[in-house]
Amino acid sequence: MVKKAMNDKTLNAPLWSADISPELEPSQIAISRGEWFDSSRNDRKILYKAYRPLDRSDAPFPVILWSHGLGGSRDGAGFISRFIASHGYIVIHVQHHGTDSSLWEGKDGHPWDIIRATHIPRHATLNRLKDIPFILDQLDKMDIAADMDLTRIGMSGHSFGAMTTQIMAGQKRGYGKRQYHLHEPRFKAGIVYSPVPQRQKNQHTPQDFYGDIKIPLLMMTGTDDDSPTEQYSYKDRLEVFTHSGGIDQHLLILDQGDHMIFSGSRGKLDANPKRNTHEDIIKILSLAFWETYLKDNTAAKNWLTNQGVATWLNSEGVYTYKS
């Protein structure tokens, strides 16, 4: 079953709860930083940043990992994670050395120009992917472990972090002897901000890559979400949703949403007049998705799957649900 809709209502249309608002963060949050070292990979250092609620009355909380885009860091997308954490989640931002801000920091020129001119070797991508199961193994050793419900873990990321999330969800990458399949079964659901298509398919079909996705995903993009480093548009991103084999797949296409709207910074893009509206939509849909799949909130799921989103979005975007 696929549902698509927009209508003439506004963003003031009802959410799944009268207590929910994109302007309201119901609990104060604490932010902590730290680092891990993976002894199995020459003590590879992995930085992290954790967002958690100060109100512990609902602990233990579901845990969500966030993976940044190419050239990013653990400090991106704070507007999403502050909002989500305030509603009773622990969100941990991961920084992947070799595909992070170390690519451009201290170098002359704009970061995007430097990144475009930089070759990202295959081992850097694989190290990024291997960071995720390593981090999952560290969660119960953190000083906030008692506040974590490690039976309810989600994965999310933007751009390269979206691809990382897709791989953890079950997507295959590459082909032949260079194909890897690193599905991580500890994740219950994922959010993919700017999904990344498999560009070179070598006579394989999209189903060969996305058909093994196993968990519910919410994919978000926008009509201006062109790749800043490669030559493709938002329409190419849609194939991940179209061919995903997972149950409960969700897609949001923001009207005039661009690539950096999900990261909380503009990069080399001009100001987006819809930024505030888009950020409100991103926060609300992200929360509804996590409430549905990490907290089993029936009202949130009904809102997501029975026209509630479409009524609320109006002309600001198109939402599609595939059960």
C-alpha atoms as a PDB file:
ATOM      1  CA  MET A   1       0.000   0.000   0.000  1.00  0.00           C
ATOM      2  CA  VAL A   2       1.329   3.444  -0.954  1.00  0.00           C
ATOM      3  CA  LYS A   3      -0.178   6.713   0.249  1.00  0.00           C
ATOM      4  CA  LYS A   4       0.619  10.136  -1.185  1.00  0.00           C
ATOM      5  CA  ALA A   5      -1.086  13.398  -0.425  1.00  0.00           C
ATOM      6  CA  MET A   6      -1.030  17.129   0.026  1.00  0.00           C
ATOM      7  CA  ASN A   7      -4.012  19.379   0.618  1.00  0.00           C
ATOM      8  CA  ASP A   8      -4.994  22.921   1.495  1.00  0.00           C
ATOM      9  CA  LYS A   9      -4.407  22.770   5.244  1.00  0.00           C
ATOM     10  CA  THR A  10      -1.440  24.494   6.903  1.00  0.00           C
ATOM     11  CA  LEU A  11       1.396  23.493   9.198  1.00  0.00           C
ATOM     12  CA  ASN A  12      -0.984  24.419  12.031  1.00  0.00           C
ATOM     13  CA  ALA A  13      -2.977  21.237  11.382  1.00  0.00           C
ATOM     14  CA  PRO A  14      -3.040  18.798  14.324  1.00  0.00           C
ATOM     15  CA  LEU A  15      -0.093  16.597  15.209  1.00  0.00           C
ATOM     16  CA  TRP A  16      -0.499  13.221  16.940  1.00  0.00           C
ATOM     17  CA  SER A  17      -0.431  14.934  20.345  1.00  0.00           C
ATOM     18  CA  ALA A  18      -1.459  18.401  21.471  1.00  0.00           C
ATOM     19  CA  ASP A  19       1.715  18.532  23.576  1.00  0.00           C
ATOM     20  CA  ILE A  20       4.011  18.397  20.523  1.00  0.00           C
ATOM     21  CA  SER A  21       5.336  21.557  18.870  1.00  0.00           C
ATOM     22  CA  PRO A  22       8.480  22.224  16.828  1.00  0.00           C
ATOM     23  CA  GLU A  23       9.060  25.231  19.079  1.00  0.00           C
ATOM     24  CA  LEU A  24       8.891  23.236  22.316  1.00  0.00           C
ATOM     25  CA  GLU A  25      11.731  21.223  23.869  1.00  0.00           C
ATOM     26  CA  PRO A  26      10.010  19.689  26.912  1.00  0.00           C
ATOM     27  CA  SER A  27      13.135  18.596  28.785  1.00  0.00           C
ATOM     28  CA  GLN A  28      16.424  20.349  29.273  1.00  0.00           C
ATOM     29  CA  ILE A  29      19.320  18.431  27.790  1.00  0.00           C
ATOM     30  CA  ALA A  30      22.942  17.843  28.656  1.00  0.00           C
ATOM     31  CA  ILE A  31      25.709  17.563  26.061  1.00  0.00           C
ATOM     32  CA  SER A  32      28.903  15.607  26.636  1.00  0.00           C
ATOM     33  CA  ARG A  33      31.893  14.808  24.444  1.00  0.00           C
ATOM     34  CA  GLY A  34      34.362  11.990  24.423  1.00  0.00           C
ATOM     35  CA  GLU A  35      36.415   9.617  22.327  1.00  0.00           C
ATOM     36  CA  TRP A  36      36.910   5.914  21.833  1.00  0.00           C
ATOM     37  CA  PHE A  37      39.904   3.971  20.522  1.00  0.00           C
ATOM     38  CA  ASP A  38      39.466   0.802  18.485  1.00  0.00           C
ATOM     39  CA  SER A  39      42.428  -1.443  19.312  1.00  0.00           C
ATOM     40  CA  SER A  40      41.524  -3.795  16.451  1.00  0.00           C
ATOM     41  CA  ARG A  41      42.204  -0.979  13.958  1.00  0.00           C
ATOM     42  CA  ASN A  42      45.501   0.481  15.201  1.00  0.00           C
ATOM     43  CA  ASP A  43      43.769   2.419  17.986  1.00  0.00           C
ATOM     44  CA  ARG A  44      41.612   4.318  15.523  1.00  0.00           C
ATOM     45  CA  LYS A  45      40.191   7.329  17.366  1.00  0.00           C
ATOM     46  CA  ILE A  46      36.467   7.991  17.119  1.00  0.00           C
ATOM     47  CA  LEU A  47      35.099  11.203  18.567  1.00  0.00           C
ATOM     48  CA  TYR A  48      31.532  11.408  19.804  1.00  0.00           C
ATOM     49  CA  LYS A  49      29.047  13.948  21.131  1.00  0.00           C
ATOM     50  CA  ALA A  50      26.089  12.797  23.220  1.00  0.00           C
ATOM     51  CA  TYR A  51      22.765  14.587  23.760  1.00  0.00           C
ATOM     52  CA  ARG A  52      20.623  13.341  26.664  1.00  0.00           C
ATOM     53  CA  PRO A  53      17.632  14.550  28.684  1.00  0.00           C
ATOM     54  CA  LEU A  54      18.307  15.914  32.158  1.00  0.00           C
ATOM     55  CA  ASP A  55      14.886  14.686  33.275  1.00  0.00           C
ATOM     56  CA  ARG A  56      15.500  11.000  34.017  1.00  0.00           C
ATOM     57  CA  SER A  57      11.925  10.133  35.024  1.00  0.00           C
ATOM     58  CA  ASP A  58      11.370   8.161  31.802  1.00  0.00           C
ATOM     59  CA  ALA A  59      14.775   6.453  31.741  1.00  0.00           C
ATOM     60  CA  PRO A  60      16.020   4.251  30.244  1.00  0.00           C
ATOM     61  CA  PHE A  61      15.779   6.028  26.891  1.00  0.00           C
ATOM     62  CA  PRO A  62      16.034   4.743  23.331  1.00  0.00           C
ATOM     63  CA  VAL A  63      19.395   5.447  21.699  1.00  0.00           C
ATOM     64  CA  ILE A  64      19.968   6.979  18.251  1.00  0.00           C
ATOM     65  CA  LEU A  65      23.298   7.198  16.432  1.00  0.00           C
ATOM     66  CA  TRP A  66      23.960  10.077  14.023  1.00  0.00           C
ATOM     67  CA  SER A  67      26.550   9.841  11.226  1.00  0.00           C
ATOM     68  CA  HIS A  68      27.728  13.068   9.538  1.00  0.00           C
ATOM     69  CA  GLY A  69      28.228  13.766   5.851  1.00  0.00           C
ATOM     70  CA  LEU A  70      31.506  13.988   3.936  1.00  0.00           C
ATOM     71  CA  GLY A  71      33.646  16.680   5.527  1.00  0.00           C
ATOM     72  CA  GLY A  72      31.347  17.001   8.526  1.00  0.00           C
ATOM     73  CA  SER A  73      31.852  16.433  12.224  1.00  0.00           C
ATOM     74  CA  ARG A  74      30.084  15.460  15.438  1.00  0.00           C
ATOM     75  CA  ASP A  75      28.875  19.064  15.773  1.00  0.00           C
ATOM     76  CA  GLY A  76      26.483  19.090  12.804  1.00  0.00           C
ATOM     77  CA  ALA A  77      22.673  18.832  12.837  1.00  0.00           C
ATOM     78  CA  GLY A  78      22.375  19.930  16.449  1.00  0.00           C
ATOM     79  CA  PHE A  79      18.909  21.391  15.847  1.00  0.00           C
ATOM     80  CA  ILE A  80      17.556  17.891  15.209  1.00  0.00           C
ATOM     81  CA  SER A  81      19.308  16.131  18.056  1.00  0.00           C
ATOM     82  CA  ARG A  82      18.535  18.743  20.711  1.00  0.00           C
ATOM     83  CA  PHE A  83      14.849  18.505  19.824  1.00  0.00           C
ATOM     84  CA  ILE A  84      14.784  14.693  19.745  1.00  0.00           C
ATOM     85  CA  ALA A  85      16.769  14.325  22.987  1.00  0.00           C
ATOM     86  CA  SER A  86      14.417  16.713  24.777  1.00  0.00           C
ATOM     87  CA  HIS A  87      11.582  14.255  24.081  1.00  0.00           C
ATOM     88  CA  GLY A  88      13.278  11.385  25.865  1.00  0.00           C
ATOM     89  CA  TYR A  89      16.058   9.980  23.691  1.00  0.00           C
ATOM     90  CA  ILE A  90      19.826   9.741  23.884  1.00  0.00           C
ATOM     91  CA  VAL A  91      21.407  10.821  20.596  1.00  0.00           C
ATOM     92  CA  ILE A  92      25.072  10.115  19.938  1.00  0.00           C
ATOM     93  CA  HIS A  93      26.878  11.878  17.101  1.00  0.00           C
ATOM     94  CA  VAL A  94      29.802   9.934  15.661  1.00  0.00           C
ATOM     95  CA  GLN A  95      32.796  11.528  13.936  1.00  0.00           C
ATOM     96  CA  HIS A  96      34.484   9.366  11.291  1.00  0.00           C
ATOM     97  CA  HIS A  97      38.166  10.210  10.856  1.00  0.00           C
ATOM     98  CA  GLY A  98      39.232  10.211   7.201  1.00  0.00           C
ATOM     99  CA  THR A  99      35.859  11.373   5.885  1.00  0.00           C
ATOM    100  CA  ASP A 100      35.326  14.183   8.394  1.00  0.00           C
ATOM    101  CA  SER A 101      36.287  17.844   8.745  1.00  0.00           C
ATOM    102  CA  SER A 102      39.972  16.852   8.882  1.00  0.00           C
ATOM    103  CA  LEU A 103      39.755  16.724   5.075  1.00  0.00           C
ATOM    104  CA  TRP A 104      39.614  20.529   4.874  1.00  0.00           C
ATOM    105  CA  GLU A 105      40.495  22.056   8.257  1.00  0.00           C
ATOM    106  CA  GLY A 106      43.591  24.248   8.082  1.00  0.00           C
ATOM    107  CA  LYS A 107      43.675  24.231   4.281  1.00  0.00           C
ATOM    108  CA  ASP A 108      43.247  27.208   1.945  1.00  0.00           C
ATOM    109  CA  GLY A 109      39.996  27.469   0.023  1.00  0.00           C
ATOM    110  CA  HIS A 110      36.364  26.649   0.646  1.00  0.00           C
ATOM    111  CA  PRO A 111      35.743  23.221   2.243  1.00  0.00           C
ATOM    112  CA  TRP A 112      33.480  22.063  -0.597  1.00  0.00           C
ATOM    113  CA  ASP A 113      36.117  22.857  -3.200  1.00  0.00           C
ATOM    114  CA  ILE A 114      38.765  21.010  -1.206  1.00  0.00           C
ATOM    115  CA  ILE A 115      36.492  17.993  -0.709  1.00  0.00           C
ATOM    116  CA  ARG A 116      35.599  17.828  -4.412  1.00  0.00           C
ATOM    117  CA  ALA A 117      39.309  17.664  -5.249  1.00  0.00           C
ATOM    118  CA  THR A 118      40.041  14.978  -2.644  1.00  0.00           C
ATOM    119  CA  HIS A 119      40.027  11.284  -3.483  1.00  0.00           C
ATOM    120  CA  ILE A 120      38.288   9.255  -0.799  1.00  0.00           C
ATOM    121  CA  PRO A 121      39.907   5.799  -0.798  1.00  0.00           C
ATOM    122  CA  ARG A 122      37.822   2.685  -0.327  1.00  0.00           C
ATOM    123  CA  HIS A 123      39.461   1.914   3.014  1.00  0.00           C
ATOM    124  CA  ALA A 124      38.273   5.276   4.381  1.00  0.00           C
ATOM    125  CA  THR A 125      34.690   4.354   3.522  1.00  0.00           C
ATOM    126  CA  LEU A 126      35.055   0.902   5.041  1.00  0.00           C
ATOM    127  CA  ASN A 127      36.571   2.345   8.210  1.00  0.00           C
ATOM    128  CA  ARG A 128      33.594   4.684   8.494  1.00  0.00           C
ATOM    129  CA  LEU A 129      31.219   1.743   8.201  1.00  0.00           C
ATOM    130  CA  LYS A 130      33.175  -0.344  10.714  1.00  0.00           C
ATOM    131  CA  ASP A 131      32.952   2.515  13.211  1.00  0.00           C
ATOM    132  CA  ILE A 132      29.259   1.791  13.746  1.00  0.00           C
ATOM    133  CA  PRO A 133      29.324  -1.784  15.139  1.00  0.00           C
ATOM    134  CA  PHE A 134      32.370  -0.818  17.203  1.00  0.00           C
ATOM    135  CA  ILE A 135      30.444   2.080  18.761  1.00  0.00           C
ATOM    136  CA  LEU A 136      27.444  -0.113  19.464  1.00  0.00           C
ATOM    137  CA  ASP A 137      29.779  -2.347  21.461  1.00  0.00           C
ATOM    138  CA  GLN A 138      30.900   0.652  23.553  1.00  0.00           C
ATOM    139  CA  LEU A 139      27.482   1.929  24.594  1.00  0.00           C
ATOM    140  CA  ASP A 140      27.123  -0.241  27.679  1.00  0.00           C
ATOM    141  CA  LYS A 141      30.504   1.035  28.911  1.00  0.00           C
ATOM    142  CA  MET A 142      29.547   4.732  28.865  1.00  0.00           C
ATOM    143  CA  ASP A 143      28.939   6.630  32.077  1.00  0.00           C
ATOM    144  CA  ILE A 144      25.334   7.199  30.929  1.00  0.00           C
ATOM    145  CA  ALA A 145      24.749   3.533  30.105  1.00  0.00           C
ATOM    146  CA  ALA A 146      22.218   3.124  32.919  1.00  0.00           C
ATOM    147  CA  ASP A 147      19.978   5.642  31.130  1.00  0.00           C
ATOM    148  CA  MET A 148      20.104   3.744  27.815  1.00  0.00           C
ATOM    149  CA  ASP A 149      17.658   1.139  26.572  1.00  0.00           C
ATOM    150  CA  LEU A 150      19.919  -0.884  24.305  1.00  0.00           C
ATOM    151  CA  THR A 151      17.005  -2.938  23.016  1.00  0.00           C
ATOM    152  CA  ARG A 152      15.715   0.180  21.223  1.00  0.00           C
ATOM    153  CA  ILE A 153      18.453   1.605  18.983  1.00  0.00           C
ATOM    154  CA  GLY A 154      18.038   3.695  15.825  1.00  0.00           C
ATOM    155  CA  MET A 155      20.511   4.877  13.192  1.00  0.00           C
ATOM    156  CA  SER A 156      20.476   8.154  11.267  1.00  0.00           C
ATOM    157  CA  GLY A 157      22.746  10.272   9.117  1.00  0.00           C
ATOM    158  CA  HIS A 158      23.066  12.907   6.426  1.00  0.00           C
ATOM    159  CA  SER A 159      24.501  12.363   2.927  1.00  0.00           C
ATOM    160  CA  PHE A 160      27.567  10.106   3.449  1.00  0.00           C
ATOM    161  CA  GLY A 161      26.011   9.443   6.849  1.00  0.00           C
ATOM    162  CA  ALA A 162      22.777   8.557   5.047  1.00  0.00           C
ATOM    163  CA  MET A 163      24.681   5.992   2.987  1.00  0.00           C
ATOM    164  CA  THR A 164      26.211   4.684   6.223  1.00  0.00           C
ATOM    165  CA  THR A 165      22.691   4.296   7.620  1.00  0.00           C
ATOM    166  CA  GLN A 166      21.510   2.551   4.442  1.00  0.00           C
ATOM    167  CA  ILE A 167      24.358   0.027   4.719  1.00  0.00           C
ATOM    168  CA  MET A 168      23.578  -0.658   8.372  1.00  0.00           C
ATOM    169  CA  ALA A 169      19.930  -1.141   7.359  1.00  0.00           C
ATOM    170  CA  GLY A 170      20.910  -3.905   4.926  1.00  0.00           C
ATOM    171  CA  GLN A 171      21.809  -2.215   1.633  1.00  0.00           C
ATOM    172  CA  LYS A 172      24.641  -3.768  -0.366  1.00  0.00           C
ATOM    173  CA  ARG A 173      27.393  -1.532  -1.720  1.00  0.00           C
ATOM    174  CA  GLY A 174      29.684  -2.207  -4.667  1.00  0.00           C
ATOM    175  CA  TYR A 175      29.581  -5.397  -6.695  1.00  0.00           C
ATOM    176  CA  GLY A 176      31.507  -8.565  -7.394  1.00  0.00           C
ATOM    177  CA  LYS A 177      34.471  -9.202  -5.121  1.00  0.00           C
ATOM    178  CA  ARG A 178      34.314  -5.580  -3.964  1.00  0.00           C
ATOM    179  CA  GLN A 179      30.747  -5.801  -2.731  1.00  0.00           C
ATOM    180  CA  TYR A 180      30.127  -5.491   0.982  1.00  0.00           C
ATOM    181  CA  HIS A 181      27.041  -6.265   3.015  1.00  0.00           C
ATOM    182  CA  LEU A 182      27.422  -4.969   6.579  1.00  0.00           C
ATOM    183  CA  HIS A 183      23.875  -5.119   7.891  1.00  0.00           C
ATOM    184  CA  GLU A 184      23.762  -4.335  11.630  1.00  0.00           C
ATOM    185  CA  PRO A 185      20.795  -6.167  13.212  1.00  0.00           C
ATOM    186  CA  ARG A 186      20.858  -4.146  16.442  1.00  0.00           C
ATOM    187  CA  PHE A 187      19.159  -1.227  14.709  1.00  0.00           C
ATOM    188  CA  LYS A 188      15.354  -1.231  14.842  1.00  0.00           C
ATOM    189  CA  ALA A 189      14.775   1.685  12.434  1.00  0.00           C
ATOM    190  CA  GLY A 190      16.624   4.494  10.650  1.00  0.00           C
ATOM    191  CA  ILE A 191      16.315   8.001   9.254  1.00  0.00           C
ATOM    192  CA  VAL A 192      18.152   8.811   6.037  1.00  0.00           C
ATOM    193  CA  TYR A 193      18.623  12.538   5.342  1.00  0.00           C
ATOM    194  CA  SER A 194      19.561  12.928   1.635  1.00  0.00           C
ATOM    195  CA  PRO A 195      19.653   9.238   0.624  1.00  0.00           C
ATOM    196  CA  VAL A 196      22.634   8.221  -1.498  1.00  0.00           C
ATOM    197  CA  PRO A 197      22.038   6.153  -4.653  1.00  0.00           C
ATOM    198  CA  GLN A 198      24.375   3.456  -5.906  1.00  0.00           C
ATOM    199  CA  ARG A 199      25.782   5.338  -8.882  1.00  0.00           C
ATOM    200  CA  GLN A 200      27.673   2.593 -10.715  1.00  0.00           C
ATOM    201  CA  LYS A 201      25.541  -0.515 -11.005  1.00  0.00           C
ATOM    202  CA  ASN A 202      27.652  -2.559 -13.441  1.00  0.00           C
ATOM    203  CA  GLN A 203      24.605  -4.114 -15.134  1.00  0.00           C
ATOM    204  CA  HIS A 204      22.948  -4.865 -11.788  1.00  0.00           C
ATOM    205  CA  THR A 205      19.444  -3.667 -10.979  1.00  0.00           C
ATOM    206  CA  PRO A 206      18.582  -1.268  -8.141  1.00  0.00           C
ATOM    207  CA  GLN A 207      16.819  -4.176  -6.428  1.00  0.00           C
ATOM    208  CA  ASP A 208      20.188  -5.959  -6.186  1.00  0.00           C
ATOM    209  CA  PHE A 209      21.434  -3.177  -3.912  1.00  0.00           C
ATOM    210  CA  TYR A 210      18.385  -1.963  -1.973  1.00  0.00           C
ATOM    211  CA  GLY A 211      16.309  -5.144  -1.855  1.00  0.00           C
ATOM    212  CA  ASP A 212      17.979  -6.396   1.329  1.00  0.00           C
ATOM    213  CA  ILE A 213      17.116  -3.315   3.404  1.00  0.00           C
ATOM    214  CA  LYS A 214      15.419  -4.887   6.406  1.00  0.00           C
ATOM    215  CA  ILE A 215      14.184  -2.151   8.762  1.00  0.00           C
ATOM    216  CA  PRO A 216      11.725   0.765   8.609  1.00  0.00           C
ATOM    217  CA  LEU A 217      13.360   3.862   7.138  1.00  0.00           C
ATOM    218  CA  LEU A 218      12.300   7.479   6.818  1.00  0.00           C
ATOM    219  CA  MET A 219      14.077   9.092   3.859  1.00  0.00           C
ATOM    220  CA  MET A 220      14.125  12.869   3.523  1.00  0.00           C
ATOM    221  CA  THR A 221      15.207  14.930   0.540  1.00  0.00           C
ATOM    222  CA  GLY A 222      14.120  18.113  -1.240  1.00  0.00           C
ATOM    223  CA  THR A 223      13.553  19.385  -4.747  1.00  0.00           C
ATOM    224  CA  ASP A 224      16.866  21.311  -4.596  1.00  0.00           C
ATOM    225  CA  ASP A 225      18.815  18.488  -2.964  1.00  0.00           C
ATOM    226  CA  ASP A 226      21.505  18.163  -5.626  1.00  0.00           C
ATOM    227  CA  SER A 227      24.735  16.434  -4.682  1.00  0.00           C
ATOM    228  CA  PRO A 228      27.430  19.020  -3.808  1.00  0.00           C
ATOM    229  CA  THR A 229      30.218  16.664  -4.912  1.00  0.00           C
ATOM    230  CA  GLU A 230      28.713  14.609  -7.766  1.00  0.00           C
ATOM    231  CA  GLN A 231      26.453  15.281 -10.727  1.00  0.00           C
ATOM    232  CA  TYR A 232      23.035  14.057  -9.665  1.00  0.00           C
ATOM    233  CA  SER A 233      19.759  15.532  -8.449  1.00  0.00           C
ATOM    234  CA  TYR A 234      17.195  14.656  -5.808  1.00  0.00           C
ATOM    235  CA  LYS A 235      15.367  12.459  -8.330  1.00  0.00           C
ATOM    236  CA  ASP A 236      18.307  10.049  -8.320  1.00  0.00           C
ATOM    237  CA  ARG A 237      18.006   9.783  -4.534  1.00  0.00           C
ATOM    238  CA  LEU A 238      14.458   8.475  -4.831  1.00  0.00           C
ATOM    239  CA  GLU A 239      15.536   5.075  -6.128  1.00  0.00           C
ATOM    240  CA  VAL A 240      16.584   4.069  -2.606  1.00  0.00           C
ATOM    241  CA  PHE A 241      12.977   4.433  -1.461  1.00  0.00           C
ATOM    242  CA  THR A 242      11.456   2.983  -4.636  1.00  0.00           C
ATOM    243  CA  HIS A 243      13.492  -0.230  -4.514  1.00  0.00           C
ATOM    244  CA  SER A 244      13.926  -0.691  -0.766  1.00  0.00           C
ATOM    245  CA  GLY A 245      12.907  -4.139   0.381  1.00  0.00           C
ATOM    246  CA  GLY A 246      12.153  -3.108   3.943  1.00  0.00           C
ATOM    247  CA  ILE A 247       8.703  -2.831   5.483  1.00  0.00           C
ATOM    248  CA  ASP A 248       7.309   0.566   6.491  1.00  0.00           C
ATOM    249  CA  GLN A 249       9.330   2.831   4.204  1.00  0.00           C
ATOM    250  CA  HIS A 250       8.636   6.576   4.389  1.00  0.00           C
ATOM    251  CA  LEU A 251       9.691   9.384   2.051  1.00  0.00           C
ATOM    252  CA  LEU A 252       9.547  13.164   2.440  1.00  0.00           C
ATOM    253  CA  ILE A 253      10.352  15.519  -0.452  1.00  0.00           C
ATOM    254  CA  LEU A 254      10.561  19.110   0.792  1.00  0.00           C
ATOM    255  CA  ASP A 255       9.543  21.857  -1.593  1.00  0.00           C
ATOM    256  CA  GLN A 256      12.778  23.801  -2.315  1.00  0.00           C
ATOM    257  CA  GLY A 257      14.626  21.745   0.277  1.00  0.00           C
ATOM    258  CA  ASP A 258      18.351  21.731  -0.457  1.00  0.00           C
ATOM    259  CA  HIS A 259      21.248  19.542   0.588  1.00  0.00           C
ATOM    260  CA  MET A 260      22.356  21.512   3.619  1.00  0.00           C
ATOM    261  CA  ILE A 261      18.916  22.027   5.167  1.00  0.00           C
ATOM    262  CA  PHE A 262      19.415  18.814   7.131  1.00  0.00           C
ATOM    263  CA  SER A 263      22.777  19.732   8.636  1.00  0.00           C
ATOM    264  CA  GLY A 264      21.932  23.055  10.286  1.00  0.00           C
ATOM    265  CA  SER A 265      24.545  24.951   8.244  1.00  0.00           C
ATOM    266  CA  ARG A 266      24.602  26.374   4.746  1.00  0.00           C
ATOM    267  CA  GLY A 267      28.010  25.366   3.413  1.00  0.00           C
ATOM    268  CA  LYS A 268      28.439  27.145   0.081  1.00  0.00           C
ATOM    269  CA  LEU A 269      24.708  27.525  -0.560  1.00  0.00           C
ATOM    270  CA  ASP A 270      22.800  30.806  -0.436  1.00  0.00           C
ATOM    271  CA  ALA A 271      20.333  31.449   2.364  1.00  0.00           C
ATOM    272  CA  ASN A 272      17.143  29.415   2.041  1.00  0.00           C
ATOM    273  CA  PRO A 273      14.015  31.509   2.781  1.00  0.00           C
ATOM    274  CA  LYS A 274      12.215  28.340   3.865  1.00  0.00           C
ATOM    275  CA  ARG A 275      14.880  27.266   6.333  1.00  0.00           C
ATOM    276  CA  ASN A 276      12.792  27.764   9.477  1.00  0.00           C
ATOM    277  CA  THR A 277       9.787  25.972   7.993  1.00  0.00           C
ATOM    278  CA  HIS A 278      11.936  23.118   6.738  1.00  0.00           C
ATOM    279  CA  GLU A 279      13.684  22.696  10.071  1.00  0.00           C
ATOM    280  CA  ASP A 280      10.301  22.538  11.821  1.00  0.00           C
ATOM    281  CA  ILE A 281       9.149  19.823   9.417  1.00  0.00           C
ATOM    282  CA  ILE A 282      12.384  17.854   9.821  1.00  0.00           C
ATOM    283  CA  LYS A 283      12.128  17.942  13.612  1.00  0.00           C
ATOM    284  CA  ILE A 284       8.485  16.895  13.744  1.00  0.00           C
ATOM    285  CA  LEU A 285       8.722  14.062  11.222  1.00  0.00           C
ATOM    286  CA  SER A 286      11.912  12.769  12.831  1.00  0.00           C
ATOM    287  CA  LEU A 287      10.237  12.712  16.234  1.00  0.00           C
ATOM    288  CA  ALA A 288       7.082  11.039  14.889  1.00  0.00           C
ATOM    289  CA  PHE A 289       9.187   8.335  13.251  1.00  0.00           C
ATOM    290  CA  TRP A 290      11.238   7.605  16.374  1.00  0.00           C
ATOM    291  CA  GLU A 291       8.117   7.640  18.536  1.00  0.00           C
ATOM    292  CA  THR A 292       6.578   5.095  16.177  1.00  0.00           C
ATOM    293  CA  TYR A 293       9.453   2.667  15.823  1.00  0.00           C
ATOM    294  CA  LEU A 294      11.454   3.073  19.038  1.00  0.00           C
ATOM    295  CA  LYS A 295       8.603   3.766  21.480  1.00  0.00           C
ATOM    296  CA  ASP A 296       5.692   1.929  19.830  1.00  0.00           C
ATOM    297  CA  ASN A 297       3.548   5.075  19.958  1.00  0.00           C
ATOM    298  CA  THR A 298       0.322   4.111  18.171  1.00  0.00           C
ATOM    299  CA  ALA A 299      -0.918   7.693  17.829  1.00  0.00           C
ATOM    300  CA  ALA A 300       2.340   8.756  16.155  1.00  0.00           C
ATOM    301  CA  LYS A 301       2.169   5.806  13.755  1.00  0.00           C
ATOM    302  CA  ASN A 302      -1.431   6.571  12.829  1.00  0.00           C
ATOM    303  CA  TRP A 303      -0.441  10.179  12.145  1.00  0.00           C
ATOM    304  CA  LEU A 304       2.435   9.036   9.922  1.00  0.00           C
ATOM    305  CA  THR A 305       0.509   6.447   7.960  1.00  0.00           C
ATOM    306  CA  ASN A 306      -3.065   7.767   7.732  1.00  0.00           C
ATOM    307  CA  GLN A 307      -2.914  11.202   6.078  1.00  0.00           C
ATOM    308  CA  GLY A 308      -1.875  13.134   9.199  1.00  0.00           C
ATOM    309  CA  VAL A 309       1.491  14.127   7.748  1.00  0.00           C
ATOM    310  CA  ALA A 310       0.015  15.082   4.394  1.00  0.00           C
ATOM    311  CA  THR A 311      -2.661  17.233   6.037  1.00  0.00           C
ATOM    312  CA  TRP A 312      -0.037  19.002   8.107  1.00  0.00           C
ATOM    313  CA  LEU A 313       2.480  19.524   5.278  1.00  0.00           C
ATOM    314  CA  ASN A 314       0.142  21.242   2.822  1.00  0.00           C
ATOM    315  CA  SER A 315       2.241  22.461  -0.140  1.00  0.00           C
ATOM    316  CA  GLU A 316       5.539  22.405   1.767  1.00  0.00           C
ATOM    317  CA  GLY A 317       6.302  18.884   0.649  1.00  0.00           C
ATOM    318  CA  VAL A 318       5.159  15.508  -0.575  1.00  0.00           C
ATOM    319  CA  TYR A 319       5.044  12.572   1.806  1.00  0.00           C
ATOM    320  CA  THR A 320       4.787   8.945   0.722  1.00  0.00           C
ATOM    321  CA  TYR A 321       4.365   5.864   2.860  1.00  0.00           C
ATOM    322  CA  LYS A 322       4.984   2.343   1.605  1.00  0.00           C
ATOM    323  CA  SER A 323       3.930  -0.475   3.927  1.00  0.00           C
END
